[in-house]
Amino acid sequence: MASVGASYTASQRWVFSLQANARHAGRDDYRGSGVASTGSGAISLSPGVRFRTGDGGTEMYGYVQLPVYQDVNEAQLAPRSGFILGISKSF
């Protein structure tokens, strides 16, 4: 697995980011033989945004994970896209 990302602080409250993720998993092995329909490779892009509230310790964030490339062995379930929303609080 490998990831690289960058962020841009547009103001004191808004931060925009972009991350690229790549992962590769080899075929599973059972008693010396490869297991069918296992193993994959994928690359995805994840644009996101963070909003810092005025209290200095709370952030709201959202990210979308968009698959750019997927290679799976035989028939497997593979994600189309993902969406994450959250709140972070520092004390």
PDB file of N, CA and C in Angstrom:
ATOM      1  N   MET A   1       0.843  -1.162   0.000  1.00  0.00           N
ATOM      2  CA  MET A   1       0.000   0.000   0.000  1.00  0.00           C
ATOM      3  C   MET A   1       0.887   1.223   0.000  1.00  0.00           C
ATOM      4  N   ALA A   2       0.486   2.236  -0.790  1.00  0.00           N
ATOM      5  CA  ALA A   2       1.214   3.500  -0.843  1.00  0.00           C
ATOM      6  C   ALA A   2       0.216   4.635  -0.987  1.00  0.00           C
ATOM      7  N   SER A   3       0.517   5.749  -0.347  1.00  0.00           N
ATOM      8  CA  SER A   3      -0.346   6.924  -0.416  1.00  0.00           C
ATOM      9  C   SER A   3       0.505   8.168  -0.530  1.00  0.00           C
ATOM     10  N   VAL A   4      -0.023   9.155  -1.236  1.00  0.00           N
ATOM     11  CA  VAL A   4       0.613  10.461  -1.332  1.00  0.00           C
ATOM     12  C   VAL A   4      -0.515  11.486  -1.372  1.00  0.00           C
ATOM     13  N   GLY A   5      -0.273  12.642  -0.742  1.00  0.00           N
ATOM     14  CA  GLY A   5      -1.333  13.635  -0.705  1.00  0.00           C
ATOM     15  C   GLY A   5      -0.794  15.036  -0.537  1.00  0.00           C
ATOM     16  N   ALA A   6      -1.684  15.986  -0.787  1.00  0.00           N
ATOM     17  CA  ALA A   6      -1.346  17.393  -0.630  1.00  0.00           C
ATOM     18  C   ALA A   6      -2.589  18.125  -0.143  1.00  0.00           C
ATOM     19  N   SER A   7      -2.366  19.221   0.567  1.00  0.00           N
ATOM     20  CA  SER A   7      -3.496  20.017   1.018  1.00  0.00           C
ATOM     21  C   SER A   7      -3.226  21.495   0.742  1.00  0.00           C
ATOM     22  N   TYR A   8      -4.309  22.229   0.644  1.00  0.00           N
ATOM     23  CA  TYR A   8      -4.245  23.662   0.383  1.00  0.00           C
ATOM     24  C   TYR A   8      -5.123  24.368   1.409  1.00  0.00           C
ATOM     25  N   THR A   9      -4.536  25.260   2.183  1.00  0.00           N
ATOM     26  CA  THR A   9      -5.277  26.030   3.170  1.00  0.00           C
ATOM     27  C   THR A   9      -5.804  27.287   2.492  1.00  0.00           C
ATOM     28  N   ALA A  10      -7.120  27.297   2.225  1.00  0.00           N
ATOM     29  CA  ALA A  10      -7.732  28.415   1.518  1.00  0.00           C
ATOM     30  C   ALA A  10      -7.987  29.604   2.444  1.00  0.00           C
ATOM     31  N   SER A  11      -8.238  29.329   3.719  1.00  0.00           N
ATOM     32  CA  SER A  11      -8.447  30.382   4.720  1.00  0.00           C
ATOM     33  C   SER A  11      -8.182  29.764   6.086  1.00  0.00           C
ATOM     34  N   GLN A  12      -8.440  30.520   7.155  1.00  0.00           N
ATOM     35  CA  GLN A  12      -8.229  29.973   8.492  1.00  0.00           C
ATOM     36  C   GLN A  12      -9.145  28.782   8.757  1.00  0.00           C
ATOM     37  N   ARG A  13     -10.273  28.733   8.106  1.00  0.00           N
ATOM     38  CA  ARG A  13     -11.259  27.694   8.386  1.00  0.00           C
ATOM     39  C   ARG A  13     -11.341  26.593   7.340  1.00  0.00           C
ATOM     40  N   TRP A  14     -11.005  26.851   6.097  1.00  0.00           N
ATOM     41  CA  TRP A  14     -11.186  25.875   5.023  1.00  0.00           C
ATOM     42  C   TRP A  14      -9.859  25.304   4.535  1.00  0.00           C
ATOM     43  N   VAL A  15      -9.792  23.974   4.467  1.00  0.00           N
ATOM     44  CA  VAL A  15      -8.613  23.270   3.945  1.00  0.00           C
ATOM     45  C   VAL A  15      -9.101  22.238   2.921  1.00  0.00           C
ATOM     46  N   PHE A  16      -8.546  22.278   1.723  1.00  0.00           N
ATOM     47  CA  PHE A  16      -8.877  21.326   0.667  1.00  0.00           C
ATOM     48  C   PHE A  16      -7.706  20.373   0.474  1.00  0.00           C
ATOM     49  N   SER A  17      -8.000  19.124   0.166  1.00  0.00           N
ATOM     50  CA  SER A  17      -6.926  18.143   0.019  1.00  0.00           C
ATOM     51  C   SER A  17      -7.210  17.185  -1.130  1.00  0.00           C
ATOM     52  N   LEU A  18      -6.151  16.542  -1.584  1.00  0.00           N
ATOM     53  CA  LEU A  18      -6.246  15.499  -2.599  1.00  0.00           C
ATOM     54  C   LEU A  18      -5.231  14.428  -2.247  1.00  0.00           C
ATOM     55  N   GLN A  19      -5.678  13.182  -2.232  1.00  0.00           N
ATOM     56  CA  GLN A  19      -4.805  12.066  -1.902  1.00  0.00           C
ATOM     57  C   GLN A  19      -4.936  10.995  -2.976  1.00  0.00           C
ATOM     58  N   ALA A  20      -3.817  10.377  -3.338  1.00  0.00           N
ATOM     59  CA  ALA A  20      -3.814   9.233  -4.253  1.00  0.00           C
ATOM     60  C   ALA A  20      -3.373   8.011  -3.455  1.00  0.00           C
ATOM     61  N   ASN A  21      -4.116   6.924  -3.613  1.00  0.00           N
ATOM     62  CA  ASN A  21      -3.830   5.687  -2.884  1.00  0.00           C
ATOM     63  C   ASN A  21      -3.657   4.547  -3.880  1.00  0.00           C
ATOM     64  N   ALA A  22      -2.668   3.711  -3.638  1.00  0.00           N
ATOM     65  CA  ALA A  22      -2.451   2.514  -4.459  1.00  0.00           C
ATOM     66  C   ALA A  22      -2.273   1.324  -3.525  1.00  0.00           C
ATOM     67  N   ARG A  23      -2.870   0.211  -3.892  1.00  0.00           N
ATOM     68  CA  ARG A  23      -2.688  -0.995  -3.075  1.00  0.00           C
ATOM     69  C   ARG A  23      -2.665  -2.217  -3.987  1.00  0.00           C
ATOM     70  N   HIS A  24      -1.903  -3.192  -3.537  1.00  0.00           N
ATOM     71  CA  HIS A  24      -1.800  -4.460  -4.253  1.00  0.00           C
ATOM     72  C   HIS A  24      -1.829  -5.585  -3.219  1.00  0.00           C
ATOM     73  N   ALA A  25      -2.658  -6.559  -3.468  1.00  0.00           N
ATOM     74  CA  ALA A  25      -2.729  -7.738  -2.605  1.00  0.00           C
ATOM     75  C   ALA A  25      -2.559  -8.964  -3.493  1.00  0.00           C
ATOM     76  N   GLY A  26      -1.597  -9.795  -3.171  1.00  0.00           N
ATOM     77  CA  GLY A  26      -1.385 -11.013  -3.935  1.00  0.00           C
ATOM     78  C   GLY A  26      -2.473 -12.048  -3.685  1.00  0.00           C
ATOM     79  N   ARG A  27      -2.488 -13.052  -4.498  1.00  0.00           N
ATOM     80  CA  ARG A  27      -3.462 -14.128  -4.360  1.00  0.00           C
ATOM     81  C   ARG A  27      -3.240 -14.849  -3.030  1.00  0.00           C
ATOM     82  N   ASP A  28      -4.325 -15.171  -2.332  1.00  0.00           N
ATOM     83  CA  ASP A  28      -4.218 -15.931  -1.090  1.00  0.00           C
ATOM     84  C   ASP A  28      -3.682 -17.331  -1.383  1.00  0.00           C
ATOM     85  N   ASP A  29      -3.110 -17.948  -0.353  1.00  0.00           N
ATOM     86  CA  ASP A  29      -2.512 -19.269  -0.503  1.00  0.00           C
ATOM     87  C   ASP A  29      -3.138 -20.219   0.521  1.00  0.00           C
ATOM     88  N   TYR A  30      -3.541 -21.387   0.071  1.00  0.00           N
ATOM     89  CA  TYR A  30      -4.070 -22.407   0.970  1.00  0.00           C
ATOM     90  C   TYR A  30      -3.398 -23.732   0.645  1.00  0.00           C
ATOM     91  N   ARG A  31      -2.634 -24.232   1.602  1.00  0.00           N
ATOM     92  CA  ARG A  31      -1.902 -25.492   1.439  1.00  0.00           C
ATOM     93  C   ARG A  31      -1.063 -25.538   0.161  1.00  0.00           C
ATOM     94  N   GLY A  32      -0.400 -24.427  -0.102  1.00  0.00           N
ATOM     95  CA  GLY A  32       0.518 -24.373  -1.223  1.00  0.00           C
ATOM     96  C   GLY A  32      -0.102 -24.060  -2.567  1.00  0.00           C
ATOM     97  N   SER A  33      -1.402 -23.853  -2.617  1.00  0.00           N
ATOM     98  CA  SER A  33      -2.074 -23.524  -3.879  1.00  0.00           C
ATOM     99  C   SER A  33      -2.748 -22.164  -3.766  1.00  0.00           C
ATOM    100  N   GLY A  34      -2.773 -21.459  -4.893  1.00  0.00           N
ATOM    101  CA  GLY A  34      -3.445 -20.172  -4.927  1.00  0.00           C
ATOM    102  C   GLY A  34      -4.955 -20.342  -4.834  1.00  0.00           C
ATOM    103  N   VAL A  35      -5.605 -19.435  -4.122  1.00  0.00           N
ATOM    104  CA  VAL A  35      -7.057 -19.468  -3.952  1.00  0.00           C
ATOM    105  C   VAL A  35      -7.703 -18.614  -5.033  1.00  0.00           C
ATOM    106  N   ALA A  36      -8.666 -19.181  -5.739  1.00  0.00           N
ATOM    107  CA  ALA A  36      -9.354 -18.463  -6.815  1.00  0.00           C
ATOM    108  C   ALA A  36     -10.084 -17.234  -6.276  1.00  0.00           C
ATOM    109  N   SER A  37     -10.239 -16.250  -7.126  1.00  0.00           N
ATOM    110  CA  SER A  37     -10.971 -15.010  -6.834  1.00  0.00           C
ATOM    111  C   SER A  37     -10.405 -14.255  -5.639  1.00  0.00           C
ATOM    112  N   THR A  38      -9.089 -14.292  -5.457  1.00  0.00           N
ATOM    113  CA  THR A  38      -8.423 -13.477  -4.445  1.00  0.00           C
ATOM    114  C   THR A  38      -7.290 -12.718  -5.118  1.00  0.00           C
ATOM    115  N   GLY A  39      -6.844 -11.673  -4.482  1.00  0.00           N
ATOM    116  CA  GLY A  39      -5.773 -10.845  -5.026  1.00  0.00           C
ATOM    117  C   GLY A  39      -6.340  -9.732  -5.887  1.00  0.00           C
ATOM    118  N   SER A  40      -5.742  -8.549  -5.751  1.00  0.00           N
ATOM    119  CA  SER A  40      -6.216  -7.404  -6.537  1.00  0.00           C
ATOM    120  C   SER A  40      -5.198  -6.276  -6.510  1.00  0.00           C
ATOM    121  N   GLY A  41      -5.423  -5.335  -7.393  1.00  0.00           N
ATOM    122  CA  GLY A  41      -4.648  -4.103  -7.414  1.00  0.00           C
ATOM    123  C   GLY A  41      -5.606  -2.954  -7.665  1.00  0.00           C
ATOM    124  N   ALA A  42      -5.369  -1.807  -7.042  1.00  0.00           N
ATOM    125  CA  ALA A  42      -6.277  -0.678  -7.213  1.00  0.00           C
ATOM    126  C   ALA A  42      -5.558   0.640  -6.979  1.00  0.00           C
ATOM    127  N   ILE A  43      -6.018   1.658  -7.680  1.00  0.00           N
ATOM    128  CA  ILE A  43      -5.565   3.034  -7.492  1.00  0.00           C
ATOM    129  C   ILE A  43      -6.814   3.890  -7.349  1.00  0.00           C
ATOM    130  N   SER A  44      -6.814   4.791  -6.378  1.00  0.00           N
ATOM    131  CA  SER A  44      -7.967   5.671  -6.191  1.00  0.00           C
ATOM    132  C   SER A  44      -7.507   7.088  -5.844  1.00  0.00           C
ATOM    133  N   LEU A  45      -8.363   8.040  -6.142  1.00  0.00           N
ATOM    134  CA  LEU A  45      -8.148   9.437  -5.775  1.00  0.00           C
ATOM    135  C   LEU A  45      -9.167   9.812  -4.724  1.00  0.00           C
ATOM    136  N   SER A  46      -8.736  10.618  -3.745  1.00  0.00           N
ATOM    137  CA  SER A  46      -9.621  11.020  -2.656  1.00  0.00           C
ATOM    138  C   SER A  46      -9.552  12.526  -2.438  1.00  0.00           C
ATOM    139  N   PRO A  47     -10.436  13.293  -3.093  1.00  0.00           N
ATOM    140  CA  PRO A  47     -10.516  14.712  -2.778  1.00  0.00           C
ATOM    141  C   PRO A  47     -11.277  14.909  -1.473  1.00  0.00           C
ATOM    142  N   GLY A  48     -10.920  15.941  -0.738  1.00  0.00           N
ATOM    143  CA  GLY A  48     -11.585  16.172   0.542  1.00  0.00           C
ATOM    144  C   GLY A  48     -11.570  17.626   0.950  1.00  0.00           C
ATOM    145  N   VAL A  49     -12.353  17.910   1.986  1.00  0.00           N
ATOM    146  CA  VAL A  49     -12.440  19.259   2.531  1.00  0.00           C
ATOM    147  C   VAL A  49     -12.565  19.161   4.051  1.00  0.00           C
ATOM    148  N   ARG A  50     -11.929  20.104   4.749  1.00  0.00           N
ATOM    149  CA  ARG A  50     -12.050  20.225   6.211  1.00  0.00           C
ATOM    150  C   ARG A  50     -12.495  21.645   6.537  1.00  0.00           C
ATOM    151  N   PHE A  51     -13.375  21.739   7.528  1.00  0.00           N
ATOM    152  CA  PHE A  51     -13.840  23.041   8.006  1.00  0.00           C
ATOM    153  C   PHE A  51     -13.508  23.145   9.487  1.00  0.00           C
ATOM    154  N   ARG A  52     -12.732  24.152   9.843  1.00  0.00           N
ATOM    155  CA  ARG A  52     -12.348  24.384  11.239  1.00  0.00           C
ATOM    156  C   ARG A  52     -13.345  25.349  11.868  1.00  0.00           C
ATOM    157  N   THR A  53     -13.942  24.940  12.970  1.00  0.00           N
ATOM    158  CA  THR A  53     -14.876  25.826  13.659  1.00  0.00           C
ATOM    159  C   THR A  53     -14.097  26.871  14.443  1.00  0.00           C
ATOM    160  N   GLY A  54     -14.782  27.827  14.994  1.00  0.00           N
ATOM    161  CA  GLY A  54     -14.130  28.929  15.687  1.00  0.00           C
ATOM    162  C   GLY A  54     -13.610  28.606  17.070  1.00  0.00           C
ATOM    163  N   ASP A  55     -13.928  27.429  17.631  1.00  0.00           N
ATOM    164  CA  ASP A  55     -13.484  27.140  19.004  1.00  0.00           C
ATOM    165  C   ASP A  55     -12.041  26.655  19.081  1.00  0.00           C
ATOM    166  N   GLY A  56     -11.380  26.459  17.947  1.00  0.00           N
ATOM    167  CA  GLY A  56      -9.971  26.094  17.931  1.00  0.00           C
ATOM    168  C   GLY A  56      -9.660  24.619  18.053  1.00  0.00           C
ATOM    169  N   GLY A  57     -10.644  23.773  18.304  1.00  0.00           N
ATOM    170  CA  GLY A  57     -10.337  22.360  18.457  1.00  0.00           C
ATOM    171  C   GLY A  57     -11.262  21.420  17.710  1.00  0.00           C
ATOM    172  N   THR A  58     -12.271  21.949  17.040  1.00  0.00           N
ATOM    173  CA  THR A  58     -13.224  21.090  16.337  1.00  0.00           C
ATOM    174  C   THR A  58     -13.106  21.287  14.838  1.00  0.00           C
ATOM    175  N   GLU A  59     -13.093  20.179  14.108  1.00  0.00           N
ATOM    176  CA  GLU A  59     -13.088  20.207  12.652  1.00  0.00           C
ATOM    177  C   GLU A  59     -14.155  19.263  12.121  1.00  0.00           C
ATOM    178  N   MET A  60     -14.809  19.651  11.044  1.00  0.00           N
ATOM    179  CA  MET A  60     -15.708  18.772  10.306  1.00  0.00           C
ATOM    180  C   MET A  60     -15.026  18.479   8.982  1.00  0.00           C
ATOM    181  N   TYR A  61     -15.143  17.235   8.515  1.00  0.00           N
ATOM    182  CA  TYR A  61     -14.453  16.879   7.285  1.00  0.00           C
ATOM    183  C   TYR A  61     -15.306  15.944   6.436  1.00  0.00           C
ATOM    184  N   GLY A  62     -14.981  15.933   5.154  1.00  0.00           N
ATOM    185  CA  GLY A  62     -15.626  15.029   4.213  1.00  0.00           C
ATOM    186  C   GLY A  62     -14.652  14.647   3.123  1.00  0.00           C
ATOM    187  N   TYR A  63     -14.672  13.382   2.730  1.00  0.00           N
ATOM    188  CA  TYR A  63     -13.801  12.863   1.682  1.00  0.00           C
ATOM    189  C   TYR A  63     -14.601  11.950   0.765  1.00  0.00           C
ATOM    190  N   VAL A  64     -14.250  11.936  -0.503  1.00  0.00           N
ATOM    191  CA  VAL A  64     -14.831  11.010  -1.471  1.00  0.00           C
ATOM    192  C   VAL A  64     -13.689  10.170  -2.014  1.00  0.00           C
ATOM    193  N   GLN A  65     -13.843   8.858  -2.017  1.00  0.00           N
ATOM    194  CA  GLN A  65     -12.823   7.982  -2.592  1.00  0.00           C
ATOM    195  C   GLN A  65     -13.333   7.473  -3.936  1.00  0.00           C
ATOM    196  N   LEU A  66     -12.607   7.825  -4.991  1.00  0.00           N
ATOM    197  CA  LEU A  66     -13.003   7.498  -6.352  1.00  0.00           C
ATOM    198  C   LEU A  66     -12.007   6.529  -6.975  1.00  0.00           C
ATOM    199  N   PRO A  67     -12.425   5.315  -7.321  1.00  0.00           N
ATOM    200  CA  PRO A  67     -11.513   4.371  -7.963  1.00  0.00           C
ATOM    201  C   PRO A  67     -11.143   4.844  -9.376  1.00  0.00           C
ATOM    202  N   VAL A  68      -9.857   4.834  -9.671  1.00  0.00           N
ATOM    203  CA  VAL A  68      -9.359   5.213 -10.986  1.00  0.00           C
ATOM    204  C   VAL A  68      -8.984   3.962 -11.781  1.00  0.00           C
ATOM    205  N   TYR A  69      -8.455   2.959 -11.078  1.00  0.00           N
ATOM    206  CA  TYR A  69      -8.014   1.717 -11.719  1.00  0.00           C
ATOM    207  C   TYR A  69      -8.268   0.569 -10.759  1.00  0.00           C
ATOM    208  N   GLN A  70      -8.822  -0.534 -11.281  1.00  0.00           N
ATOM    209  CA  GLN A  70      -9.018  -1.740 -10.483  1.00  0.00           C
ATOM    210  C   GLN A  70      -8.710  -2.957 -11.348  1.00  0.00           C
ATOM    211  N   ASP A  71      -7.988  -3.897 -10.762  1.00  0.00           N
ATOM    212  CA  ASP A  71      -7.676  -5.153 -11.438  1.00  0.00           C
ATOM    213  C   ASP A  71      -7.866  -6.269 -10.418  1.00  0.00           C
ATOM    214  N   VAL A  72      -8.910  -7.078 -10.611  1.00  0.00           N
ATOM    215  CA  VAL A  72      -9.189  -8.176  -9.688  1.00  0.00           C
ATOM    216  C   VAL A  72      -9.069  -9.500 -10.430  1.00  0.00           C
ATOM    217  N   ASN A  73      -8.727 -10.550  -9.712  1.00  0.00           N
ATOM    218  CA  ASN A  73      -8.632 -11.891 -10.287  1.00  0.00           C
ATOM    219  C   ASN A  73     -10.007 -12.552 -10.256  1.00  0.00           C
ATOM    220  N   GLU A  74     -10.421 -13.085 -11.369  1.00  0.00           N
ATOM    221  CA  GLU A  74     -11.713 -13.753 -11.511  1.00  0.00           C
ATOM    222  C   GLU A  74     -12.855 -12.823 -11.066  1.00  0.00           C
ATOM    223  N   ALA A  75     -13.847 -13.360 -10.359  1.00  0.00           N
ATOM    224  CA  ALA A  75     -15.022 -12.585  -9.938  1.00  0.00           C
ATOM    225  C   ALA A  75     -14.873 -12.174  -8.475  1.00  0.00           C
ATOM    226  N   GLN A  76     -14.884 -10.860  -8.231  1.00  0.00           N
ATOM    227  CA  GLN A  76     -14.790 -10.328  -6.873  1.00  0.00           C
ATOM    228  C   GLN A  76     -15.642  -9.069  -6.770  1.00  0.00           C
ATOM    229  N   LEU A  77     -16.030  -8.758  -5.560  1.00  0.00           N
ATOM    230  CA  LEU A  77     -16.678  -7.483  -5.310  1.00  0.00           C
ATOM    231  C   LEU A  77     -15.597  -6.418  -5.254  1.00  0.00           C
ATOM    232  N   ALA A  78     -15.847  -5.276  -5.887  1.00  0.00           N
ATOM    233  CA  ALA A  78     -14.891  -4.170  -5.871  1.00  0.00           C
ATOM    234  C   ALA A  78     -15.665  -2.877  -5.637  1.00  0.00           C
ATOM    235  N   PRO A  79     -15.122  -1.978  -4.839  1.00  0.00           N
ATOM    236  CA  PRO A  79     -15.854  -0.739  -4.543  1.00  0.00           C
ATOM    237  C   PRO A  79     -15.978   0.167  -5.759  1.00  0.00           C
ATOM    238  N   ARG A  80     -17.105   0.855  -5.846  1.00  0.00           N
ATOM    239  CA  ARG A  80     -17.298   1.853  -6.899  1.00  0.00           C
ATOM    240  C   ARG A  80     -16.827   3.215  -6.418  1.00  0.00           C
ATOM    241  N   SER A  81     -17.272   3.615  -5.255  1.00  0.00           N
ATOM    242  CA  SER A  81     -16.823   4.861  -4.641  1.00  0.00           C
ATOM    243  C   SER A  81     -17.190   4.830  -3.161  1.00  0.00           C
ATOM    244  N   GLY A  82     -16.611   5.725  -2.422  1.00  0.00           N
ATOM    245  CA  GLY A  82     -16.896   5.792  -0.992  1.00  0.00           C
ATOM    246  C   GLY A  82     -16.980   7.242  -0.550  1.00  0.00           C
ATOM    247  N   PHE A  83     -17.728   7.479   0.510  1.00  0.00           N
ATOM    248  CA  PHE A  83     -17.921   8.830   1.023  1.00  0.00           C
ATOM    249  C   PHE A  83     -17.784   8.789   2.538  1.00  0.00           C
ATOM    250  N   ILE A  84     -16.986   9.682   3.090  1.00  0.00           N
ATOM    251  CA  ILE A  84     -16.738   9.710   4.528  1.00  0.00           C
ATOM    252  C   ILE A  84     -17.037  11.118   5.049  1.00  0.00           C
ATOM    253  N   LEU A  85     -17.834  11.200   6.099  1.00  0.00           N
ATOM    254  CA  LEU A  85     -18.084  12.446   6.812  1.00  0.00           C
ATOM    255  C   LEU A  85     -17.679  12.246   8.267  1.00  0.00           C
ATOM    256  N   GLY A  86     -17.125  13.261   8.901  1.00  0.00           N
ATOM    257  CA  GLY A  86     -16.741  13.100  10.298  1.00  0.00           C
ATOM    258  C   GLY A  86     -16.541  14.404  11.017  1.00  0.00           C
ATOM    259  N   ILE A  87     -16.392  14.272  12.320  1.00  0.00           N
ATOM    260  CA  ILE A  87     -16.083  15.407  13.188  1.00  0.00           C
ATOM    261  C   ILE A  87     -14.892  15.009  14.052  1.00  0.00           C
ATOM    262  N   SER A  88     -13.939  15.925  14.178  1.00  0.00           N
ATOM    263  CA  SER A  88     -12.746  15.697  14.986  1.00  0.00           C
ATOM    264  C   SER A  88     -12.677  16.778  16.054  1.00  0.00           C
ATOM    265  N   LYS A  89     -12.351  16.379  17.280  1.00  0.00           N
ATOM    266  CA  LYS A  89     -12.256  17.329  18.393  1.00  0.00           C
ATOM    267  C   LYS A  89     -10.915  17.154  19.100  1.00  0.00           C
ATOM    268  N   SER A  90     -10.175  18.240  19.240  1.00  0.00           N
ATOM    269  CA  SER A  90      -8.905  18.238  19.982  1.00  0.00           C
ATOM    270  C   SER A  90      -9.127  18.865  21.346  1.00  0.00           C
ATOM    271  N   PHE A  91      -8.471  18.301  22.348  1.00  0.00           N
ATOM    272  CA  PHE A  91      -8.595  18.826  23.717  1.00  0.00           C
ATOM    273  C   PHE A  91      -7.261  19.361  24.197  1.00  0.00           C
TER     274      PHE A  91
END
